């Protein structure tokens, strides 16, 4: 969305991200229940007693992965936070990734899964990474390889997913609107991906509502560039489930 004003970008994200997730929260949550392996492994390998953040937690599905750590979860969607709060003893708060309410230099880890790609320009995406980095414990002075201090795992949708049902790849637009179809009743119960609900007594259900969610599709190497611009260091990276991911630490 290059060349647009800050006000226009905020309104665009409000319409195509924030309001969408508020409206589809229950149906979205019903489709998000199985932890992704990379995130699962990252959380399970943390030392017992570690304290960290799940930034853009959605329904909080990652809060229960490792009972030996403590997580403060946050999301812009109040409706999703109400769902995430069921995962006690962890806490969940409504917060903006660009203005996190947490103390700096305090956390052993953070995860942000499928969140940053919803921000509508490069400066905002870099700022989001910068905000995450600020919350992490800094590395020690002797830590030349980035092995000390807090670490963050970030996932974003990839442009390079030609083998997926979406079929995006090099040369395609990186800024896209992706539909979410909400059928009558789907926001209170789950349905199969391609299934349909049969109306009682042969009556017709109201027409489904289609929401358009904004995504920035990251090209290969772009996430690493944003991390460096935000003052971070990439210590591990990969591709999984049509996403690019990185594990990062602070430079200082």
Protein backbone atom coordinates (compact mmCIF):
# COMPACT_ATOMS: atom_id res chain seq x y z
CA UNK A 1 0.00 0.00 0.00
CA UNK A 2 2.79 2.41 -0.90
CA UNK A 3 1.94 6.08 -1.21
CA UNK A 4 -1.08 6.08 1.11
CA UNK A 5 -1.46 8.29 4.18
CA UNK A 6 -1.19 7.03 7.74
CA UNK A 7 -4.89 7.70 8.30
CA UNK A 8 -5.83 5.75 5.18
CA UNK A 9 -3.67 2.82 6.27
CA UNK A 10 -5.23 2.75 9.73
CA UNK A 11 -8.73 2.80 8.29
CA UNK A 12 -7.79 0.07 5.80
CA UNK A 13 -6.45 -2.20 8.55
CA UNK A 14 -9.49 -1.45 10.71
CA UNK A 15 -11.82 -2.51 7.90
CA UNK A 16 -9.87 -5.45 6.49
CA UNK A 17 -8.23 -6.83 9.65
CA UNK A 18 -9.58 -5.65 13.00
CA UNK A 19 -13.29 -5.58 12.21
CA UNK A 20 -13.05 -8.86 10.30
CA UNK A 21 -11.54 -10.83 13.18
CA UNK A 22 -13.99 -9.29 15.64
CA UNK A 23 -16.88 -10.51 13.47
CA UNK A 24 -15.54 -13.99 12.66
CA UNK A 25 -13.89 -14.73 16.01
CA UNK A 26 -15.87 -17.84 16.99
CA UNK A 27 -15.75 -19.42 13.54
CA UNK A 28 -12.06 -18.56 13.17
CA UNK A 29 -11.34 -20.09 16.56
CA UNK A 30 -13.11 -23.32 15.60
CA UNK A 31 -10.65 -23.74 12.72
CA UNK A 32 -7.52 -23.00 14.81
CA UNK A 33 -6.89 -25.79 17.28
CA UNK A 34 -3.74 -27.70 16.29
CA UNK A 35 -0.32 -26.14 17.08
CA UNK A 36 2.07 -25.87 14.14
CA UNK A 37 5.13 -28.12 14.65
CA UNK A 38 7.77 -25.34 14.53
CA UNK A 39 5.91 -23.27 17.12
CA UNK A 40 5.20 -26.34 19.24
CA UNK A 41 8.89 -27.28 19.22
CA UNK A 42 10.00 -23.73 20.04
CA UNK A 43 7.73 -23.59 23.10
CA UNK A 44 8.47 -27.11 24.35
CA UNK A 45 12.23 -26.53 24.23
CA UNK A 46 12.10 -23.48 26.50
CA UNK A 47 13.55 -23.93 30.00
CA UNK A 48 11.02 -24.51 32.78
CA UNK A 49 10.02 -21.25 34.41
CA UNK A 50 10.48 -19.17 31.25
CA UNK A 51 8.15 -16.18 30.90
CA UNK A 52 7.16 -14.78 27.53
CA UNK A 53 4.60 -13.29 25.18
CA UNK A 54 2.19 -14.53 22.52
CA UNK A 55 1.63 -11.40 20.43
CA UNK A 56 -1.44 -11.69 18.24
CA UNK A 57 -2.53 -14.81 20.09
CA UNK A 58 -5.88 -15.32 18.38
CA UNK A 59 -7.83 -17.92 20.37
CA UNK A 60 -4.78 -18.76 22.49
CA UNK A 61 -4.15 -22.22 21.10
CA UNK A 62 -0.43 -22.02 21.94
CA UNK A 63 -0.94 -21.17 25.61
CA UNK A 64 -1.42 -24.78 26.65
CA UNK A 65 1.54 -26.29 24.76
CA UNK A 66 4.06 -26.18 27.62
CA UNK A 67 2.71 -26.23 31.19
CA UNK A 68 6.15 -25.33 32.58
CA UNK A 69 6.26 -21.81 31.11
CA UNK A 70 4.12 -18.71 31.62
CA UNK A 71 2.74 -16.63 28.75
CA UNK A 72 1.09 -13.23 28.58
CA UNK A 73 -1.06 -13.28 25.45
CA UNK A 74 -2.37 -10.27 23.53
CA UNK A 75 -4.49 -9.54 20.49
CA UNK A 76 -6.30 -6.56 18.94
CA UNK A 77 -9.56 -8.50 18.89
CA UNK A 78 -11.53 -8.36 22.12
CA UNK A 79 -13.68 -11.27 20.92
CA UNK A 80 -10.62 -13.50 20.43
CA UNK A 81 -9.14 -12.45 23.78
CA UNK A 82 -12.35 -13.56 25.51
CA UNK A 83 -11.74 -17.01 24.03
CA UNK A 84 -8.02 -17.02 24.87
CA UNK A 85 -8.70 -16.21 28.52
CA UNK A 86 -9.95 -19.74 29.12
CA UNK A 87 -6.34 -20.96 29.09
CA UNK A 88 -5.49 -20.32 32.73
CA UNK A 89 -3.11 -19.66 34.46
CA UNK A 90 -1.88 -17.61 31.51
CA UNK A 91 -3.21 -14.09 31.09
CA UNK A 92 -4.62 -12.49 27.95
CA UNK A 93 -5.05 -8.78 27.24
CA UNK A 94 -6.26 -6.60 24.38
CA UNK A 95 -3.22 -4.81 22.93
CA UNK A 96 -1.81 -3.38 19.71
CA UNK A 97 1.39 -4.95 18.40
CA UNK A 98 2.66 -1.45 17.54
CA UNK A 99 2.28 -0.29 21.15
CA UNK A 100 2.82 -3.23 23.46
CA UNK A 101 2.00 -2.60 27.15
CA UNK A 102 4.84 -4.74 28.49
CA UNK A 103 8.07 -3.68 30.25
CA UNK A 104 11.18 -3.61 28.09
CA UNK A 105 14.10 -6.04 28.53
CA UNK A 106 11.98 -8.47 30.56
CA UNK A 107 10.96 -11.61 28.67
CA UNK A 108 12.71 -14.87 27.85
CA UNK A 109 10.77 -15.41 24.65
CA UNK A 110 7.98 -14.19 22.39
CA UNK A 111 5.98 -15.68 19.56
CA UNK A 112 4.05 -13.81 16.88
CA UNK A 113 2.37 -16.23 14.50
CA UNK A 114 0.55 -14.95 11.39
CA UNK A 115 0.24 -11.37 12.64
CA UNK A 116 2.79 -8.98 11.13
CA UNK A 117 1.63 -9.70 7.58
CA UNK A 118 -1.64 -7.92 8.45
CA UNK A 119 0.14 -4.54 8.74
CA UNK A 120 -0.25 -2.51 5.58
CA UNK A 121 3.18 -1.01 4.94
CA UNK A 122 6.84 -1.81 5.47
CA UNK A 123 7.43 0.82 8.15
CA UNK A 124 4.62 -0.57 10.30
CA UNK A 125 5.84 -4.13 9.88
CA UNK A 126 9.38 -3.14 10.91
CA UNK A 127 7.99 -1.22 13.87
CA UNK A 128 6.07 -4.30 14.99
CA UNK A 129 9.28 -6.35 15.01
CA UNK A 130 11.04 -3.53 16.87
CA UNK A 131 8.32 -3.59 19.53
CA UNK A 132 8.73 -7.34 19.96
CA UNK A 133 12.51 -7.03 20.27
CA UNK A 134 12.21 -4.34 22.95
CA UNK A 135 10.37 -6.74 25.26
CA UNK A 136 13.10 -9.40 25.12
CA UNK A 137 15.92 -9.74 27.59
CA UNK A 138 19.07 -8.33 25.94
CA UNK A 139 22.01 -10.63 25.17
CA UNK A 140 25.06 -10.48 27.40
CA UNK A 141 28.12 -8.52 26.26
CA UNK A 142 30.05 -11.75 25.69
CA UNK A 143 27.31 -13.19 23.50
CA UNK A 144 28.70 -12.85 19.98
CA UNK A 145 26.51 -15.53 18.40
CA UNK A 146 23.17 -14.38 19.76
CA UNK A 147 22.77 -17.43 21.98
CA UNK A 148 21.91 -15.44 25.10
CA UNK A 149 19.02 -13.14 25.89
CA UNK A 150 15.43 -13.51 24.84
CA UNK A 151 14.34 -15.02 21.54
CA UNK A 152 11.28 -14.42 19.39
CA UNK A 153 9.68 -16.69 16.79
CA UNK A 154 7.83 -14.89 13.98
CA UNK A 155 5.69 -16.44 11.21
CA UNK A 156 4.36 -14.62 8.12
CA UNK A 157 2.61 -15.79 4.97
CA UNK A 158 4.96 -16.42 2.05
CA UNK A 159 4.61 -15.15 -1.50
CA UNK A 160 6.22 -18.39 -2.67
CA UNK A 161 3.45 -20.92 -2.25
CA UNK A 162 2.83 -22.11 -5.80
CA UNK A 163 2.02 -25.62 -4.57
CA UNK A 164 -0.76 -24.44 -2.24
CA UNK A 165 -4.42 -24.09 -3.19
CA UNK A 166 -3.84 -20.33 -3.44
CA UNK A 167 -1.01 -20.70 -5.95
CA UNK A 168 0.84 -17.41 -5.34
CA UNK A 169 4.43 -17.14 -6.50
CA UNK A 170 7.10 -14.76 -7.81
CA UNK A 171 5.57 -11.97 -9.88
CA UNK A 172 2.24 -11.92 -8.06
CA UNK A 173 1.03 -8.94 -6.07
CA UNK A 174 2.38 -9.02 -2.52
CA UNK A 175 -0.57 -7.08 -1.07
CA UNK A 176 -3.76 -9.10 -1.30
CA UNK A 177 -7.26 -9.45 0.10
CA UNK A 178 -8.16 -12.99 1.10
CA UNK A 179 -11.84 -13.94 1.54
CA UNK A 180 -13.30 -15.53 4.64
CA UNK A 181 -16.83 -16.86 4.04
CA UNK A 182 -19.02 -16.86 7.11
CA UNK A 183 -22.21 -18.89 6.72
CA UNK A 184 -25.21 -18.41 8.98
CA UNK A 185 -24.46 -20.21 12.23
CA UNK A 186 -20.73 -20.60 11.54
CA UNK A 187 -19.76 -18.02 14.14
CA UNK A 188 -21.17 -20.15 16.91
CA UNK A 189 -20.10 -23.63 15.79
CA UNK A 190 -17.50 -25.24 13.57
CA UNK A 191 -18.18 -26.71 10.15
CA UNK A 192 -16.12 -28.72 7.72
CA UNK A 193 -14.05 -26.73 5.26
CA UNK A 194 -16.12 -27.70 2.24
CA UNK A 195 -19.25 -28.76 4.09
CA UNK A 196 -22.63 -27.09 4.27
CA UNK A 197 -25.30 -26.83 6.89
CA UNK A 198 -28.76 -28.15 6.09
CA UNK A 199 -31.51 -25.74 7.13
CA UNK A 200 -34.29 -27.18 9.31
CA UNK A 201 -37.52 -28.28 7.60
CA UNK A 202 -36.17 -27.33 4.18
CA UNK A 203 -36.07 -23.60 4.92
CA UNK A 204 -33.38 -21.45 3.36
CA UNK A 205 -30.52 -19.99 5.37
CA UNK A 206 -29.55 -16.35 4.83
CA UNK A 207 -26.79 -15.77 2.29
CA UNK A 208 -23.26 -16.10 3.70
CA UNK A 209 -21.18 -13.02 4.45
CA UNK A 210 -17.78 -12.74 2.76
CA UNK A 211 -15.10 -10.79 4.57
CA UNK A 212 -11.88 -9.62 2.90
CA UNK A 213 -8.75 -9.94 5.06
CA UNK A 214 -5.62 -7.97 4.15
CA UNK A 215 -2.27 -9.77 3.90
CA UNK A 216 1.20 -8.70 2.84
CA UNK A 217 2.84 -11.75 1.26
CA UNK A 218 6.51 -11.87 2.19
CA UNK A 219 8.97 -12.71 -0.56
CA UNK A 220 11.99 -14.85 0.29
CA UNK A 221 14.49 -12.87 2.36
CA UNK A 222 12.14 -9.97 3.08
CA UNK A 223 11.40 -10.98 6.66
CA UNK A 224 15.11 -11.15 7.43
CA UNK A 225 15.54 -7.65 5.96
CA UNK A 226 12.79 -6.33 8.21
CA UNK A 227 14.39 -7.95 11.27
CA UNK A 228 17.73 -6.27 10.53
CA UNK A 229 15.99 -2.92 9.94
CA UNK A 230 14.31 -3.31 13.33
CA UNK A 231 17.64 -3.89 15.08
CA UNK A 232 17.43 -7.65 15.40
CA UNK A 233 19.55 -10.66 14.54
CA UNK A 234 18.26 -13.79 12.78
CA UNK A 235 19.55 -16.94 14.48
CA UNK A 236 17.38 -19.47 12.65
CA UNK A 237 15.00 -19.38 9.69
CA UNK A 238 12.86 -21.62 7.58
CA UNK A 239 9.75 -22.26 5.48
CA UNK A 240 6.75 -24.18 6.77
CA UNK A 241 3.10 -24.49 5.72
CA UNK A 242 3.31 -21.67 3.14
CA UNK A 243 4.96 -19.40 5.71
CA UNK A 244 8.40 -17.92 6.23
CA UNK A 245 9.58 -18.02 9.84
CA UNK A 246 12.54 -16.68 11.79
CA UNK A 247 13.88 -16.95 15.33
CA UNK A 248 15.45 -13.65 16.29
CA UNK A 249 17.31 -11.92 19.11
CA UNK A 250 18.28 -8.35 19.82
CA UNK A 251 21.55 -6.98 18.44
CA UNK A 252 22.51 -5.09 21.62
